[in-house]
Protein backbone atom coordinates (compact mmCIF):
# COMPACT_ATOMS: atom_id res chain seq x y z
CA MET A 1 30.59 -81.99 -9.53
CA ASN A 2 27.72 -80.85 -11.73
CA LYS A 3 25.36 -81.08 -8.76
CA ASN A 4 27.54 -78.74 -6.67
CA ARG A 5 27.85 -76.33 -9.59
CA ASN A 6 24.05 -76.25 -9.99
CA LEU A 7 23.60 -75.58 -6.28
CA TYR A 8 26.13 -72.75 -6.45
CA THR A 9 24.32 -71.22 -9.41
CA VAL A 10 20.94 -71.41 -7.66
CA SER A 11 22.47 -69.82 -4.57
CA LEU A 12 23.83 -66.89 -6.60
CA LEU A 13 20.47 -66.37 -8.30
CA PHE A 14 18.67 -66.35 -4.94
CA THR A 15 21.14 -63.82 -3.53
CA PHE A 16 20.75 -61.57 -6.60
CA LEU A 17 16.94 -61.70 -6.36
CA SER A 18 17.04 -60.86 -2.66
CA ILE A 19 19.27 -57.81 -3.27
CA SER A 20 17.02 -56.68 -6.13
CA LEU A 21 13.89 -56.96 -3.98
CA ILE A 22 15.49 -54.97 -1.12
CA SER A 23 16.68 -52.27 -3.52
CA ALA A 24 13.25 -52.08 -5.15
CA GLN A 25 11.55 -51.70 -1.74
CA ASN A 26 13.93 -48.93 -0.74
CA HIS A 27 13.40 -47.21 -4.09
CA ILE A 28 9.63 -47.45 -3.66
CA LYS A 29 9.89 -45.94 -0.16
CA ILE A 30 12.01 -43.03 -1.39
CA THR A 31 9.87 -42.26 -4.43
CA ASN A 32 6.68 -42.53 -2.37
CA SER A 33 8.04 -40.13 0.21
CA LEU A 34 8.87 -37.40 -2.31
CA PRO A 35 5.24 -36.32 -2.89
CA VAL A 36 4.77 -36.10 0.89
CA TYR A 37 7.65 -33.62 1.22
CA ALA A 38 6.37 -31.71 -1.80
CA LEU A 39 2.85 -31.56 -0.38
CA ASN A 40 4.15 -30.38 3.00
CA SER A 41 6.19 -27.62 1.34
CA GLU A 42 3.22 -26.57 -0.78
CA ALA A 43 0.99 -26.49 2.28
CA LYS A 44 3.49 -24.29 4.13
CA ILE A 45 3.72 -21.90 1.17
CA ILE A 46 -0.08 -21.67 0.90
CA LYS A 47 -0.30 -21.03 4.65
CA ILE A 48 2.27 -18.22 4.47
CA VAL A 49 0.59 -16.59 1.46
CA ALA A 50 -2.84 -16.83 3.11
CA LYS A 51 -1.45 -15.27 6.28
CA ASN A 52 0.00 -12.34 4.33
CA VAL A 53 -3.25 -11.82 2.42
CA ASN A 54 -5.27 -11.89 5.64
CA SER A 55 -2.94 -9.41 7.31
CA ARG A 56 -3.30 -7.05 4.33
CA GLN A 57 -7.08 -7.39 4.40
CA GLN A 58 -7.19 -6.76 8.14
CA ASP A 59 -5.00 -3.69 7.71
CA ASN A 60 -7.87 -1.85 5.97
CA GLY A 61 -5.51 0.87 4.80
CA ILE A 62 -5.38 3.39 1.97
CA GLN A 63 -2.67 3.68 -0.65
CA ALA A 64 -2.39 6.39 -3.28
CA SER A 65 0.28 7.64 -5.64
CA GLY A 66 0.43 10.19 -8.42
CA HIS A 67 2.34 13.07 -9.94
CA PHE A 68 2.58 16.81 -9.37
CA ALA A 69 1.37 19.24 -12.03
CA ASN A 70 1.51 22.67 -10.44
CA ASN A 71 2.36 26.31 -11.01
CA GLN A 72 3.45 28.15 -7.88
CA ILE A 73 1.87 31.61 -8.04
CA GLN A 74 2.57 34.80 -6.12
CA ASN A 75 1.14 38.26 -6.84
CA GLY A 76 -0.62 36.91 -9.91
CA SER A 77 2.57 35.61 -11.54
CA VAL A 78 4.02 32.09 -11.88
CA THR A 79 7.17 31.98 -9.76
CA TRP A 80 7.94 28.27 -10.06
CA ILE A 81 6.84 25.27 -12.14
CA GLN A 82 6.69 22.03 -10.14
CA GLY A 83 6.50 18.48 -11.45
CA GLY A 84 7.26 15.10 -9.89
CA LEU A 85 5.85 12.12 -8.02
CA TRP A 86 4.18 11.55 -4.66
CA ASP A 87 3.18 8.52 -2.60
CA LEU A 88 0.81 8.14 0.35
CA VAL A 89 0.08 5.22 2.68
CA VAL A 90 -2.51 5.26 5.47
CA ARG A 91 -2.72 2.12 7.60
CA ASN A 92 -4.50 1.12 10.78
CA ASP A 93 -1.96 0.77 13.57
CA THR A 94 -2.71 -0.44 17.09
CA ASN A 95 -1.00 1.80 19.60
CA MET A 96 -0.88 -0.09 22.90
CA THR A 97 0.20 2.87 25.01
CA SER A 98 -1.82 5.86 23.86
CA GLN A 99 -5.02 4.23 22.62
CA ILE A 100 -6.03 2.20 25.69
CA SER A 101 -8.89 3.96 27.45
CA LYS A 102 -9.59 3.92 31.15
CA ASN A 103 -12.72 1.78 30.77
CA THR A 104 -11.28 -0.98 28.58
CA SER A 105 -8.05 -2.91 28.28
CA ALA A 106 -8.52 -3.57 24.55
CA PRO A 107 -6.36 -1.48 22.20
CA THR A 108 -8.14 0.37 19.40
CA PRO A 109 -6.70 0.83 15.89
CA SER A 110 -5.64 4.34 14.90
CA PRO A 111 -4.75 5.54 11.40
CA LYS A 112 -1.06 6.11 10.78
CA ALA A 113 0.08 7.87 7.61
CA ALA A 114 3.36 8.09 5.71
CA PHE A 115 3.94 10.47 2.81
CA SER A 116 6.89 10.94 0.47
CA ALA A 117 7.48 13.04 -2.64
CA ASN A 118 10.13 13.87 -5.20
CA PHE A 119 9.67 16.83 -7.51
CA THR A 120 11.56 19.32 -9.65
CA MET A 121 11.19 23.09 -9.33
CA VAL A 122 12.20 25.36 -12.19
CA LYS A 123 11.62 29.00 -13.12
CA PRO A 124 9.27 29.69 -16.06
CA ASP A 125 12.33 30.74 -18.12
CA GLY A 126 14.00 27.37 -17.41
CA SER A 127 16.53 28.68 -14.89
CA GLU A 128 17.35 27.66 -11.29
CA SER A 129 16.22 24.06 -11.72
CA HIS A 130 16.58 21.90 -8.61
CA ILE A 131 15.06 18.78 -7.07
CA HIS A 132 13.22 18.51 -3.75
CA SER A 133 12.25 15.39 -1.83
CA ILE A 134 10.01 15.00 1.21
CA ASN A 135 10.99 12.17 3.54
CA ASN A 136 10.44 10.99 7.10
CA PHE A 137 6.86 12.24 7.14
CA VAL A 138 4.75 10.29 9.65
CA SER A 139 1.43 11.31 11.13
CA ASN A 140 -1.29 9.94 13.40
CA ASP A 141 -3.54 12.93 12.63
CA VAL A 142 -5.79 11.55 9.88
CA ILE A 143 -9.28 12.92 9.15
CA ILE A 144 -11.72 11.50 6.59
CA GLY A 145 -14.99 13.32 5.89
CA GLY A 146 -17.03 15.06 3.22
CA GLY A 147 -15.22 13.11 0.52
CA ASP A 148 -11.82 14.44 1.60
CA LEU A 149 -8.78 13.01 3.36
CA VAL A 150 -6.72 15.45 5.43
CA ILE A 151 -3.43 14.50 7.10
CA THR A 152 -1.24 16.85 9.12
CA GLY A 153 2.26 15.93 10.18
CA ILE A 154 5.95 16.76 10.22
CA GLY A 155 8.54 15.92 7.59
CA ASN A 156 12.03 16.77 6.31
CA ILE A 157 12.61 18.44 2.94
CA TYR A 158 15.77 17.86 0.92
CA SER A 159 17.20 19.92 -1.92
CA ASP A 160 19.38 18.14 -4.50
CA GLY A 161 19.98 15.33 -2.00
CA ALA A 162 20.99 17.50 0.97
CA LEU A 163 18.75 18.20 3.98
CA LYS A 164 17.45 21.75 3.51
CA PHE A 165 14.48 22.18 5.87
CA ARG A 166 14.08 20.06 9.01
CA GLN A 167 10.84 19.18 10.84
CA VAL A 168 8.50 21.10 8.54
CA PRO A 169 4.73 21.10 9.21
CA ILE A 170 3.02 19.61 6.14
CA THR A 171 -0.64 19.02 5.29
CA VAL A 172 -1.63 16.34 2.78
CA HIS A 173 -5.11 16.80 1.31
CA LEU A 174 -6.90 14.40 -1.07
CA MET A 175 -9.97 16.13 -2.46
CA GLY A 176 -13.21 14.93 -4.03
CA LYS A 177 -14.09 11.90 -6.10
CA GLN A 178 -11.03 12.29 -8.35
CA HIS A 179 -8.77 12.48 -5.27
CA VAL A 180 -6.82 15.54 -6.37
CA LEU A 181 -3.81 16.11 -4.13
CA GLY A 182 -3.33 19.42 -2.40
CA LEU A 183 -0.03 19.75 -0.53
CA ILE A 184 0.51 22.59 1.95
CA ILE A 185 4.10 23.17 3.11
CA ASP A 186 4.73 25.57 5.99
CA THR A 187 6.18 28.77 4.55
CA VAL A 188 7.84 30.01 7.76
CA LYS A 189 9.94 26.87 8.25
CA THR A 190 10.91 26.90 4.55
CA GLN A 191 11.76 30.61 4.24
CA ASN A 192 8.83 31.22 1.85
CA HIS A 193 10.40 28.93 -0.77
CA PHE A 194 7.03 27.22 -1.33
CA ALA A 195 4.86 30.30 -0.81
CA SER A 196 1.86 30.33 -3.13
CA THR A 197 -1.73 31.50 -3.36
CA HIS A 198 -2.93 27.88 -3.46
CA GLU A 199 -1.96 24.36 -2.52
CA MET A 200 0.64 22.43 -4.48
CA PHE A 201 -1.62 20.35 -6.72
CA GLY A 202 -1.14 16.80 -7.94
CA THR A 203 -3.21 14.16 -9.70
CA LEU A 204 -3.86 10.52 -8.85
CA ILE A 205 -2.32 7.65 -10.83
CA ASN A 206 -3.05 4.60 -8.64
CA GLY A 207 -5.08 4.05 -5.49
CA ILE A 208 -6.24 1.28 -3.15
CA GLY A 209 -8.92 1.62 -0.47
CA LEU A 210 -10.07 5.02 -1.71
CA GLU A 211 -13.69 3.92 -1.40
CA LYS A 212 -13.32 4.66 2.33
CA ILE A 213 -13.04 8.33 1.38
CA GLU A 214 -15.70 8.23 -1.31
CA LYS A 215 -18.26 6.83 1.14
CA THR A 216 -18.14 10.11 3.03
CA LEU A 217 -19.12 12.18 -0.01
CA THR A 218 -22.29 14.21 0.53
CA PRO A 219 -24.63 13.77 -2.47
CA THR A 220 -25.85 16.92 -4.21
CA LYS A 221 -29.55 17.72 -4.55
CA SER A 222 -29.63 16.40 -8.11
CA GLN A 223 -27.90 13.16 -7.07
CA SER A 224 -30.30 12.72 -4.14
CA GLN A 225 -33.30 13.28 -6.43
CA GLU A 226 -31.88 10.79 -8.95
CA GLN A 227 -31.41 8.18 -6.22
CA GLN A 228 -34.99 8.76 -5.03
CA ASN A 229 -36.33 8.39 -8.59
CA ARG A 230 -34.44 5.10 -9.05
CA LYS A 231 -35.76 3.82 -5.73
CA SER A 232 -39.36 4.70 -6.70
CA MET A 233 -38.91 3.06 -10.11
CA ASN A 234 -37.57 -0.13 -8.55
CA MET A 235 -40.51 -0.25 -6.11
CA SER A 236 -43.00 0.19 -8.99
CA MET A 237 -41.38 -2.60 -11.01
CA SER A 238 -41.38 -4.97 -8.05
CA MET A 239 -45.08 -4.27 -7.33
CA GLY A 240 -45.99 -4.77 -10.98
């Protein structure tokens, strides 16, 4: 009787140990597999981020934004005070249809610009205040030279949220090392509402890729002489 009871007890212990070992092996497999899934996910995320960074670097574009600070002047008098925000993006875009030449099948990148603005116009006495926005401006006509960026295109102008002037010729001009904005809005298409003796001026707040414009700056005589003096000084120091 005791012998059978002992055998039964041993059998139960063996069964319990077997179940414990199987459970432990399964637990080890599951816990070991978790880092693999985590590493795979991390690798995918890193790959996606790297791809986005590379695409941005390959874009080689220009971004600039700022605010308007301008007095609209006619006949020597301030007719309107203008203040607001503007945003400009110039990116390299490959146009498969229009950029392929007869001698090559490879497409060439062409600059493509988008400009938007939102600004308030008010009379010097504080009357007739209203808000304009420029939207849907897209241009492939981008010129960089002499330290300036000039973009000509077509855009729509809204007044207090309603479309006021459609398909208006607009010129966006970033000038000099400080990248001052000069905005020219066609006066005929806008019924002389933006008529002025000068461009609508704005200042830069943020910019990316503006060194592409700065590289085209022509140095003045004093700057050229200073560069030559530095070069001669460096040569003398290296020889000494």
